[in-house]
C-alpha atoms as a PDB file:
ATOM      1  CA  UNK A   1       0.000   0.000   0.000  1.00  0.00           C
ATOM      2  CA  UNK A   2       1.206   3.508  -0.756  1.00  0.00           C
ATOM      3  CA  UNK A   3       2.857   4.978   2.331  1.00  0.00           C
ATOM      4  CA  UNK A   4       1.969   8.507   1.258  1.00  0.00           C
ATOM      5  CA  UNK A   5      -1.792   7.876   1.433  1.00  0.00           C
ATOM      6  CA  UNK A   6      -3.785  10.739   2.911  1.00  0.00           C
ATOM      7  CA  UNK A   7      -7.101  10.437   4.745  1.00  0.00           C
ATOM      8  CA  UNK A   8      -8.226  14.032   4.221  1.00  0.00           C
ATOM      9  CA  UNK A   9      -7.881  16.195   1.160  1.00  0.00           C
ATOM     10  CA  UNK A  10      -7.775  19.996   1.519  1.00  0.00           C
ATOM     11  CA  UNK A  11      -9.269  21.747  -1.514  1.00  0.00           C
ATOM     12  CA  UNK A  12      -8.950  25.439  -2.266  1.00  0.00           C
ATOM     13  CA  UNK A  13     -11.459  26.826  -4.743  1.00  0.00           C
ATOM     14  CA  UNK A  14     -10.496  29.492  -7.314  1.00  0.00           C
ATOM     15  CA  UNK A  15     -12.143  32.055  -5.027  1.00  0.00           C
ATOM     16  CA  UNK A  16      -9.668  31.196  -2.239  1.00  0.00           C
ATOM     17  CA  UNK A  17     -12.112  29.191  -0.112  1.00  0.00           C
ATOM     18  CA  UNK A  18     -10.444  26.206   1.560  1.00  0.00           C
ATOM     19  CA  UNK A  19     -12.278  23.196   2.936  1.00  0.00           C
ATOM     20  CA  UNK A  20     -11.285  19.641   3.816  1.00  0.00           C
ATOM     21  CA  UNK A  21     -12.885  16.435   2.571  1.00  0.00           C
ATOM     22  CA  UNK A  22     -12.461  13.040   4.275  1.00  0.00           C
ATOM     23  CA  UNK A  23     -11.497  10.534   1.593  1.00  0.00           C
ATOM     24  CA  UNK A  24     -13.295   7.217   1.196  1.00  0.00           C
ATOM     25  CA  UNK A  25     -11.082   4.187   1.746  1.00  0.00           C
ATOM     26  CA  UNK A  26     -10.924   1.281  -0.762  1.00  0.00           C
ATOM     27  CA  UNK A  27     -12.768  -1.053   1.625  1.00  0.00           C
ATOM     28  CA  UNK A  28     -15.767   1.276   1.959  1.00  0.00           C
ATOM     29  CA  UNK A  29     -15.823   1.837  -1.781  1.00  0.00           C
ATOM     30  CA  UNK A  30     -15.785  -1.936  -2.333  1.00  0.00           C
ATOM     31  CA  UNK A  31     -18.821  -2.397  -0.098  1.00  0.00           C
ATOM     32  CA  UNK A  32     -20.638   0.376  -1.982  1.00  0.00           C
ATOM     33  CA  UNK A  33     -19.741  -1.365  -5.243  1.00  0.00           C
ATOM     34  CA  UNK A  34     -21.220  -4.647  -3.973  1.00  0.00           C
ATOM     35  CA  UNK A  35     -24.497  -2.851  -3.213  1.00  0.00           C
ATOM     36  CA  UNK A  36     -24.482  -1.289  -6.671  1.00  0.00           C
ATOM     37  CA  UNK A  37     -23.694  -4.671  -8.224  1.00  0.00           C
ATOM     38  CA  UNK A  38     -26.778  -6.088  -6.502  1.00  0.00           C
ATOM     39  CA  UNK A  39     -28.871  -3.233  -7.936  1.00  0.00           C
ATOM     40  CA  UNK A  40     -27.513  -3.896 -11.427  1.00  0.00           C
ATOM     41  CA  UNK A  41     -28.216  -7.620 -11.012  1.00  0.00           C
ATOM     42  CA  UNK A  42     -31.818  -6.823 -10.096  1.00  0.00           C
ATOM     43  CA  UNK A  43     -32.170  -4.637 -13.189  1.00  0.00           C
ATOM     44  CA  UNK A  44     -30.647  -7.335 -15.378  1.00  0.00           C
ATOM     45  CA  UNK A  45     -33.050  -9.904 -13.947  1.00  0.00           C
ATOM     46  CA  UNK A  46     -35.948  -7.802 -15.195  1.00  0.00           C
ATOM     47  CA  UNK A  47     -34.257  -7.270 -18.550  1.00  0.00           C
ATOM     48  CA  UNK A  48     -33.686 -11.000 -19.005  1.00  0.00           C
ATOM     49  CA  UNK A  49     -37.355 -11.630 -18.284  1.00  0.00           C
ATOM     50  CA  UNK A  50     -38.329  -9.219 -21.051  1.00  0.00           C
ATOM     51  CA  UNK A  51     -35.714 -10.576 -23.455  1.00  0.00           C
ATOM     52  CA  UNK A  52     -36.990 -14.081 -22.799  1.00  0.00           C
ATOM     53  CA  UNK A  53     -39.713 -13.296 -25.314  1.00  0.00           C
ATOM     54  CA  UNK A  54     -37.045 -12.384 -27.893  1.00  0.00           C
ATOM     55  CA  UNK A  55     -35.250 -15.668 -27.218  1.00  0.00           C
ATOM     56  CA  UNK A  56     -38.377 -17.534 -28.232  1.00  0.00           C
ATOM     57  CA  UNK A  57     -38.237 -15.840 -31.624  1.00  0.00           C
ATOM     58  CA  UNK A  58     -34.472 -15.709 -32.182  1.00  0.00           C
ATOM     59  CA  UNK A  59     -32.036 -17.162 -29.637  1.00  0.00           C
ATOM     60  CA  UNK A  60     -28.957 -15.465 -31.142  1.00  0.00           C
ATOM     61  CA  UNK A  61     -30.647 -12.073 -31.166  1.00  0.00           C
ATOM     62  CA  UNK A  62     -31.798 -12.554 -27.578  1.00  0.00           C
ATOM     63  CA  UNK A  63     -28.266 -13.466 -26.451  1.00  0.00           C
ATOM     64  CA  UNK A  64     -26.772 -10.449 -28.240  1.00  0.00           C
ATOM     65  CA  UNK A  65     -29.310  -8.074 -26.718  1.00  0.00           C
ATOM     66  CA  UNK A  66     -28.636  -9.523 -23.261  1.00  0.00           C
ATOM     67  CA  UNK A  67     -24.898  -8.831 -23.584  1.00  0.00           C
ATOM     68  CA  UNK A  68     -25.549  -5.274 -24.803  1.00  0.00           C
ATOM     69  CA  UNK A  69     -28.038  -4.678 -21.990  1.00  0.00           C
ATOM     70  CA  UNK A  70     -25.500  -5.896 -19.432  1.00  0.00           C
ATOM     71  CA  UNK A  71     -22.815  -3.431 -20.550  1.00  0.00           C
ATOM     72  CA  UNK A  72     -25.404  -0.648 -20.844  1.00  0.00           C
ATOM     73  CA  UNK A  73     -26.574  -1.342 -17.292  1.00  0.00           C
ATOM     74  CA  UNK A  74     -23.009  -1.501 -15.951  1.00  0.00           C
ATOM     75  CA  UNK A  75     -22.078   1.880 -17.421  1.00  0.00           C
ATOM     76  CA  UNK A  76     -25.443   3.631 -17.607  1.00  0.00           C
ATOM     77  CA  UNK A  77     -26.417   2.850 -14.011  1.00  0.00           C
ATOM     78  CA  UNK A  78     -23.406   4.620 -12.533  1.00  0.00           C
ATOM     79  CA  UNK A  79     -23.500   7.427 -15.072  1.00  0.00           C
ATOM     80  CA  UNK A  80     -27.154   8.331 -14.550  1.00  0.00           C
ATOM     81  CA  UNK A  81     -27.130   7.911 -10.770  1.00  0.00           C
ATOM     82  CA  UNK A  82     -23.973   9.962 -10.254  1.00  0.00           C
ATOM     83  CA  UNK A  83     -25.226  12.749 -12.499  1.00  0.00           C
ATOM     84  CA  UNK A  84     -28.776  13.076 -11.147  1.00  0.00           C
ATOM     85  CA  UNK A  85     -27.769  12.382  -7.522  1.00  0.00           C
ATOM     86  CA  UNK A  86     -24.715  14.663  -7.631  1.00  0.00           C
ATOM     87  CA  UNK A  87     -22.014  12.030  -7.449  1.00  0.00           C
ATOM     88  CA  UNK A  88     -23.907   9.259  -5.684  1.00  0.00           C
ATOM     89  CA  UNK A  89     -25.230   5.816  -6.565  1.00  0.00           C
ATOM     90  CA  UNK A  90     -27.421   3.633  -4.350  1.00  0.00           C
ATOM     91  CA  UNK A  91     -24.343   2.068  -2.785  1.00  0.00           C
ATOM     92  CA  UNK A  92     -22.687   5.434  -2.209  1.00  0.00           C
ATOM     93  CA  UNK A  93     -25.842   6.839  -0.627  1.00  0.00           C
ATOM     94  CA  UNK A  94     -26.030   3.904   1.782  1.00  0.00           C
ATOM     95  CA  UNK A  95     -22.350   4.254   2.710  1.00  0.00           C
ATOM     96  CA  UNK A  96     -22.543   8.084   2.679  1.00  0.00           C
ATOM     97  CA  UNK A  97     -19.971   8.476  -0.122  1.00  0.00           C
ATOM     98  CA  UNK A  98     -19.909  10.963  -2.981  1.00  0.00           C
ATOM     99  CA  UNK A  99     -17.905  11.545  -6.161  1.00  0.00           C
ATOM    100  CA  UNK A 100     -16.545  15.095  -6.398  1.00  0.00           C
ATOM    101  CA  UNK A 101     -14.170  17.022  -8.628  1.00  0.00           C
ATOM    102  CA  UNK A 102     -10.608  16.711  -7.283  1.00  0.00           C
ATOM    103  CA  UNK A 103     -10.081  20.487  -7.580  1.00  0.00           C
ATOM    104  CA  UNK A 104     -13.203  21.496  -5.674  1.00  0.00           C
ATOM    105  CA  UNK A 105     -15.067  22.578  -8.817  1.00  0.00           C
ATOM    106  CA  UNK A 106     -18.573  21.508  -9.708  1.00  0.00           C
ATOM    107  CA  UNK A 107     -18.732  17.928 -10.981  1.00  0.00           C
ATOM    108  CA  UNK A 108     -19.308  17.961 -14.753  1.00  0.00           C
ATOM    109  CA  UNK A 109     -21.208  15.412 -16.821  1.00  0.00           C
ATOM    110  CA  UNK A 110     -18.164  14.635 -18.944  1.00  0.00           C
ATOM    111  CA  UNK A 111     -16.301  13.658 -15.748  1.00  0.00           C
ATOM    112  CA  UNK A 112     -19.171  11.397 -14.676  1.00  0.00           C
ATOM    113  CA  UNK A 113     -19.330   9.833 -18.132  1.00  0.00           C
ATOM    114  CA  UNK A 114     -15.568   9.367 -18.401  1.00  0.00           C
ATOM    115  CA  UNK A 115     -15.067   7.717 -14.997  1.00  0.00           C
ATOM    116  CA  UNK A 116     -17.892   5.282 -15.754  1.00  0.00           C
ATOM    117  CA  UNK A 117     -16.624   4.458 -19.249  1.00  0.00           C
ATOM    118  CA  UNK A 118     -13.177   3.683 -17.818  1.00  0.00           C
ATOM    119  CA  UNK A 119     -14.933   1.322 -15.383  1.00  0.00           C
ATOM    120  CA  UNK A 120     -14.612  -1.337 -18.124  1.00  0.00           C
ATOM    121  CA  UNK A 121     -10.813  -1.185 -17.736  1.00  0.00           C
ATOM    122  CA  UNK A 122     -10.994  -0.976 -13.939  1.00  0.00           C
ATOM    123  CA  UNK A 123     -13.009  -4.201 -13.878  1.00  0.00           C
ATOM    124  CA  UNK A 124     -10.292  -6.168 -15.704  1.00  0.00           C
ATOM    125  CA  UNK A 125      -9.392  -8.974 -15.554  1.00  0.00           C
ATOM    126  CA  UNK A 126     -12.081  -9.775 -12.940  1.00  0.00           C
ATOM    127  CA  UNK A 127     -13.515  -8.428  -9.669  1.00  0.00           C
ATOM    128  CA  UNK A 128     -12.119  -4.930 -10.318  1.00  0.00           C
ATOM    129  CA  UNK A 129      -8.529  -6.105  -9.942  1.00  0.00           C
ATOM    130  CA  UNK A 130      -7.080  -3.241 -11.997  1.00  0.00           C
ATOM    131  CA  UNK A 131      -9.235  -0.584 -10.338  1.00  0.00           C
ATOM    132  CA  UNK A 132      -8.703  -2.027  -6.866  1.00  0.00           C
ATOM    133  CA  UNK A 133      -4.927  -2.129  -7.324  1.00  0.00           C
ATOM    134  CA  UNK A 134      -4.889   1.458  -8.603  1.00  0.00           C
ATOM    135  CA  UNK A 135      -7.002   2.543  -5.626  1.00  0.00           C
ATOM    136  CA  UNK A 136      -4.633   0.864  -3.168  1.00  0.00           C
ATOM    137  CA  UNK A 137      -1.561   2.445  -4.769  1.00  0.00           C
ATOM    138  CA  UNK A 138      -3.076   5.901  -5.178  1.00  0.00           C
ATOM    139  CA  UNK A 139      -2.485   8.384  -2.328  1.00  0.00           C
ATOM    140  CA  UNK A 140      -6.099   9.539  -2.726  1.00  0.00           C
ATOM    141  CA  UNK A 141      -7.600   6.063  -3.306  1.00  0.00           C
ATOM    142  CA  UNK A 142      -8.397   6.809  -6.957  1.00  0.00           C
ATOM    143  CA  UNK A 143      -9.114   4.065  -9.467  1.00  0.00           C
ATOM    144  CA  UNK A 144      -8.226   4.544 -13.144  1.00  0.00           C
ATOM    145  CA  UNK A 145     -11.570   6.188 -13.875  1.00  0.00           C
ATOM    146  CA  UNK A 146     -10.984   8.745 -11.121  1.00  0.00           C
ATOM    147  CA  UNK A 147      -7.441   9.492 -12.315  1.00  0.00           C
ATOM    148  CA  UNK A 148      -8.584  10.066 -15.899  1.00  0.00           C
ATOM    149  CA  UNK A 149     -11.670  12.124 -14.939  1.00  0.00           C
ATOM    150  CA  UNK A 150      -9.813  13.963 -12.115  1.00  0.00           C
ATOM    151  CA  UNK A 151     -12.380  12.946  -9.502  1.00  0.00           C
ATOM    152  CA  UNK A 152     -12.176  11.599  -5.973  1.00  0.00           C
ATOM    153  CA  UNK A 153     -14.638   9.782  -3.724  1.00  0.00           C
ATOM    154  CA  UNK A 154     -15.209  11.364  -0.326  1.00  0.00           C
ATOM    155  CA  UNK A 155     -17.133  10.478   2.795  1.00  0.00           C
ATOM    156  CA  UNK A 156     -20.104  12.495   4.050  1.00  0.00           C
ATOM    157  CA  UNK A 157     -19.862  11.803   7.783  1.00  0.00           C
ATOM    158  CA  UNK A 158     -23.098  11.905   9.720  1.00  0.00           C
ATOM    159  CA  UNK A 159     -23.232  15.034  11.873  1.00  0.00           C
ATOM    160  CA  UNK A 160     -25.820  16.216  14.397  1.00  0.00           C
ATOM    161  CA  UNK A 161     -28.559  18.220  12.736  1.00  0.00           C
ATOM    162  CA  UNK A 162     -28.289  21.917  13.671  1.00  0.00           C
ATOM    163  CA  UNK A 163     -31.347  23.838  14.786  1.00  0.00           C
ATOM    164  CA  UNK A 164     -31.897  25.737  11.555  1.00  0.00           C
ATOM    165  CA  UNK A 165     -35.018  27.493  12.801  1.00  0.00           C
ATOM    166  CA  UNK A 166     -33.035  29.017  15.641  1.00  0.00           C
ATOM    167  CA  UNK A 167     -30.087  29.811  13.374  1.00  0.00           C
ATOM    168  CA  UNK A 168     -31.985  31.332  10.440  1.00  0.00           C
ATOM    169  CA  UNK A 169     -35.425  32.467  11.565  1.00  0.00           C
ATOM    170  CA  UNK A 170     -36.423  35.988  12.453  1.00  0.00           C
ATOM    171  CA  UNK A 171     -34.549  37.748   9.657  1.00  0.00           C
ATOM    172  CA  UNK A 172     -35.907  38.899   6.322  1.00  0.00           C
ATOM    173  CA  UNK A 173     -34.414  37.061   3.339  1.00  0.00           C
ATOM    174  CA  UNK A 174     -34.518  39.337   0.299  1.00  0.00           C
ATOM    175  CA  UNK A 175     -33.417  36.514  -2.012  1.00  0.00           C
ATOM    176  CA  UNK A 176     -36.696  34.706  -1.353  1.00  0.00           C
ATOM    177  CA  UNK A 177     -38.451  37.331  -3.468  1.00  0.00           C
ATOM    178  CA  UNK A 178     -37.152  35.615  -6.617  1.00  0.00           C
ATOM    179  CA  UNK A 179     -38.287  31.951  -6.665  1.00  0.00           C
ATOM    180  CA  UNK A 180     -36.813  31.196 -10.111  1.00  0.00           C
ATOM    181  CA  UNK A 181     -33.385  32.374  -8.958  1.00  0.00           C
ATOM    182  CA  UNK A 182     -33.801  30.358  -5.738  1.00  0.00           C
ATOM    183  CA  UNK A 183     -34.265  27.223  -7.806  1.00  0.00           C
ATOM    184  CA  UNK A 184     -31.227  28.048  -9.942  1.00  0.00           C
ATOM    185  CA  UNK A 185     -29.143  28.591  -6.807  1.00  0.00           C
ATOM    186  CA  UNK A 186     -30.093  25.154  -5.434  1.00  0.00           C
ATOM    187  CA  UNK A 187     -28.961  23.602  -8.702  1.00  0.00           C
ATOM    188  CA  UNK A 188     -25.617  25.381  -8.870  1.00  0.00           C
ATOM    189  CA  UNK A 189     -24.392  25.121  -5.276  1.00  0.00           C
ATOM    190  CA  UNK A 190     -22.567  21.831  -4.731  1.00  0.00           C
ATOM    191  CA  UNK A 191     -23.156  19.768  -1.557  1.00  0.00           C
ATOM    192  CA  UNK A 192     -19.638  20.619  -0.351  1.00  0.00           C
ATOM    193  CA  UNK A 193     -20.203  24.349  -0.833  1.00  0.00           C
ATOM    194  CA  UNK A 194     -23.553  24.151   0.960  1.00  0.00           C
ATOM    195  CA  UNK A 195     -21.986  22.300   3.888  1.00  0.00           C
ATOM    196  CA  UNK A 196     -19.131  24.810   4.050  1.00  0.00           C
ATOM    197  CA  UNK A 197     -21.559  27.740   4.146  1.00  0.00           C
ATOM    198  CA  UNK A 198     -23.626  26.129   6.900  1.00  0.00           C
ATOM    199  CA  UNK A 199     -20.574  25.248   9.011  1.00  0.00           C
ATOM    200  CA  UNK A 200     -19.276  28.807   8.626  1.00  0.00           C
ATOM    201  CA  UNK A 201     -22.496  30.175  10.129  1.00  0.00           C
ATOM    202  CA  UNK A 202     -22.499  27.620  12.928  1.00  0.00           C
ATOM    203  CA  UNK A 203     -18.946  28.552  13.957  1.00  0.00           C
ATOM    204  CA  UNK A 204     -19.064  32.306  13.377  1.00  0.00           C
ATOM    205  CA  UNK A 205     -19.323  33.127  17.095  1.00  0.00           C
ATOM    206  CA  UNK A 206     -16.046  31.296  17.708  1.00  0.00           C
ATOM    207  CA  UNK A 207     -14.133  33.683  15.421  1.00  0.00           C
ATOM    208  CA  UNK A 208     -12.670  37.113  15.956  1.00  0.00           C
ATOM    209  CA  UNK A 209     -14.163  39.957  13.903  1.00  0.00           C
ATOM    210  CA  UNK A 210     -11.342  40.038  11.333  1.00  0.00           C
ATOM    211  CA  UNK A 211     -11.413  36.260  10.975  1.00  0.00           C
ATOM    212  CA  UNK A 212     -15.160  36.410  10.316  1.00  0.00           C
ATOM    213  CA  UNK A 213     -14.617  39.009   7.596  1.00  0.00           C
ATOM    214  CA  UNK A 214     -11.836  36.943   6.039  1.00  0.00           C
ATOM    215  CA  UNK A 215     -14.138  33.914   6.034  1.00  0.00           C
ATOM    216  CA  UNK A 216     -17.422  35.381   4.804  1.00  0.00           C
ATOM    217  CA  UNK A 217     -16.144  37.896   2.222  1.00  0.00           C
ATOM    218  CA  UNK A 218     -14.713  35.331  -0.257  1.00  0.00           C
ATOM    219  CA  UNK A 219     -17.488  32.849   0.524  1.00  0.00           C
ATOM    220  CA  UNK A 220     -20.205  35.399  -0.225  1.00  0.00           C
ATOM    221  CA  UNK A 221     -18.371  36.521  -3.375  1.00  0.00           C
ATOM    222  CA  UNK A 222     -18.280  32.932  -4.611  1.00  0.00           C
ATOM    223  CA  UNK A 223     -21.987  32.390  -3.902  1.00  0.00           C
ATOM    224  CA  UNK A 224     -22.870  35.678  -5.606  1.00  0.00           C
ATOM    225  CA  UNK A 225     -21.004  34.534  -8.723  1.00  0.00           C
ATOM    226  CA  UNK A 226     -23.076  31.348  -9.020  1.00  0.00           C
ATOM    227  CA  UNK A 227     -26.394  33.173  -9.416  1.00  0.00           C
ATOM    228  CA  UNK A 228     -26.749  36.924  -9.907  1.00  0.00           C
ATOM    229  CA  UNK A 229     -29.718  38.351  -8.013  1.00  0.00           C
ATOM    230  CA  UNK A 230     -31.136  41.825  -8.783  1.00  0.00           C
ATOM    231  CA  UNK A 231     -29.326  44.692  -7.005  1.00  0.00           C
ATOM    232  CA  UNK A 232     -32.327  45.429  -4.799  1.00  0.00           C
ATOM    233  CA  UNK A 233     -32.099  41.912  -3.375  1.00  0.00           C
ATOM    234  CA  UNK A 234     -28.353  41.523  -2.946  1.00  0.00           C
ATOM    235  CA  UNK A 235     -26.850  44.957  -2.421  1.00  0.00           C
ATOM    236  CA  UNK A 236     -26.669  46.668   0.930  1.00  0.00           C
ATOM    237  CA  UNK A 237     -26.352  43.488   3.008  1.00  0.00           C
ATOM    238  CA  UNK A 238     -23.193  42.190   4.629  1.00  0.00           C
ATOM    239  CA  UNK A 239     -21.289  39.191   3.330  1.00  0.00           C
ATOM    240  CA  UNK A 240     -22.314  37.181   6.397  1.00  0.00           C
ATOM    241  CA  UNK A 241     -25.974  38.066   5.872  1.00  0.00           C
ATOM    242  CA  UNK A 242     -25.744  37.042   2.222  1.00  0.00           C
ATOM    243  CA  UNK A 243     -24.328  33.655   3.209  1.00  0.00           C
ATOM    244  CA  UNK A 244     -27.108  33.295   5.787  1.00  0.00           C
ATOM    245  CA  UNK A 245     -29.725  34.029   3.129  1.00  0.00           C
ATOM    246  CA  UNK A 246     -28.214  31.421   0.810  1.00  0.00           C
ATOM    247  CA  UNK A 247     -28.098  28.796   3.583  1.00  0.00           C
ATOM    248  CA  UNK A 248     -31.729  29.600   4.365  1.00  0.00           C
ATOM    249  CA  UNK A 249     -32.642  28.820   0.731  1.00  0.00           C
ATOM    250  CA  UNK A 250     -30.538  25.661   0.539  1.00  0.00           C
ATOM    251  CA  UNK A 251     -31.571  24.037   3.791  1.00  0.00           C
ATOM    252  CA  UNK A 252     -35.080  25.303   4.473  1.00  0.00           C
ATOM    253  CA  UNK A 253     -37.812  24.642   1.900  1.00  0.00           C
ATOM    254  CA  UNK A 254     -40.134  27.435   0.860  1.00  0.00           C
ATOM    255  CA  UNK A 255     -43.344  27.377   2.869  1.00  0.00           C
ATOM    256  CA  UNK A 256     -46.395  27.771   0.665  1.00  0.00           C
ATOM    257  CA  UNK A 257     -48.894  30.311   1.990  1.00  0.00           C
ATOM    258  CA  UNK A 258     -52.077  28.873   3.396  1.00  0.00           C
ATOM    259  CA  UNK A 259     -55.218  29.822   1.519  1.00  0.00           C
ATOM    260  CA  UNK A 260     -57.599  31.269   4.105  1.00  0.00           C
ATOM    261  CA  UNK A 261     -60.579  30.348   1.915  1.00  0.00           C
ATOM    262  CA  UNK A 262     -59.858  26.634   2.329  1.00  0.00           C
ATOM    263  CA  UNK A 263     -61.439  25.017   5.373  1.00  0.00           C
ATOM    264  CA  UNK A 264     -60.066  21.973   7.128  1.00  0.00           C
END
């Protein structure tokens, strides 16, 4: 095993924001893969049942379609799950793992597609021997697909849920006046950026005034760059307040007004 392996990766975004990510170990990733393999097997069981009708008509065609469906399921399952679930598959969700860009940038579809296409090589010659060996030798536990796509797999440790109502309530959120921009913000903020913003608010009272400014100024600037709100909504508020407003949008769903004309 590589002696230079690290358990935590510190990422600094282009805006100068630094945050640490606990890396997933090869053993945990293997367990997640076994769960995903079971999901793929379940899908293939259904596919084989459907293709059984084709076998009755043409056995060779049925066999060919089964092989194609298997490779499509192997690659497509991971590709679709990791894209729509922001770097997670069923196995990764169970084990609280996530695929992220190794530079701290937003995970792109071409990265998701590439790391899953390379999975064919990682699986060689059997039982992911190539990918497992690469993961063991890599300081950041990256298989070939991760090295080519410049991605890493991190852990999302379970943390106590903060009291968001106490943290965020009682203050007017001007960003809430623009629902379409709210939705765009939720799409563009990565899970790591959302967690960083929340943790910054939770720990703000532990920091000196200058340290708070140094923390919230670049963080707010980065969040402002993701979605541009109208000046009347974003100007005139402090960087810390802007981060609070964003965290309010990300972690607290919009409450629909109750129609007084409706009776219970």
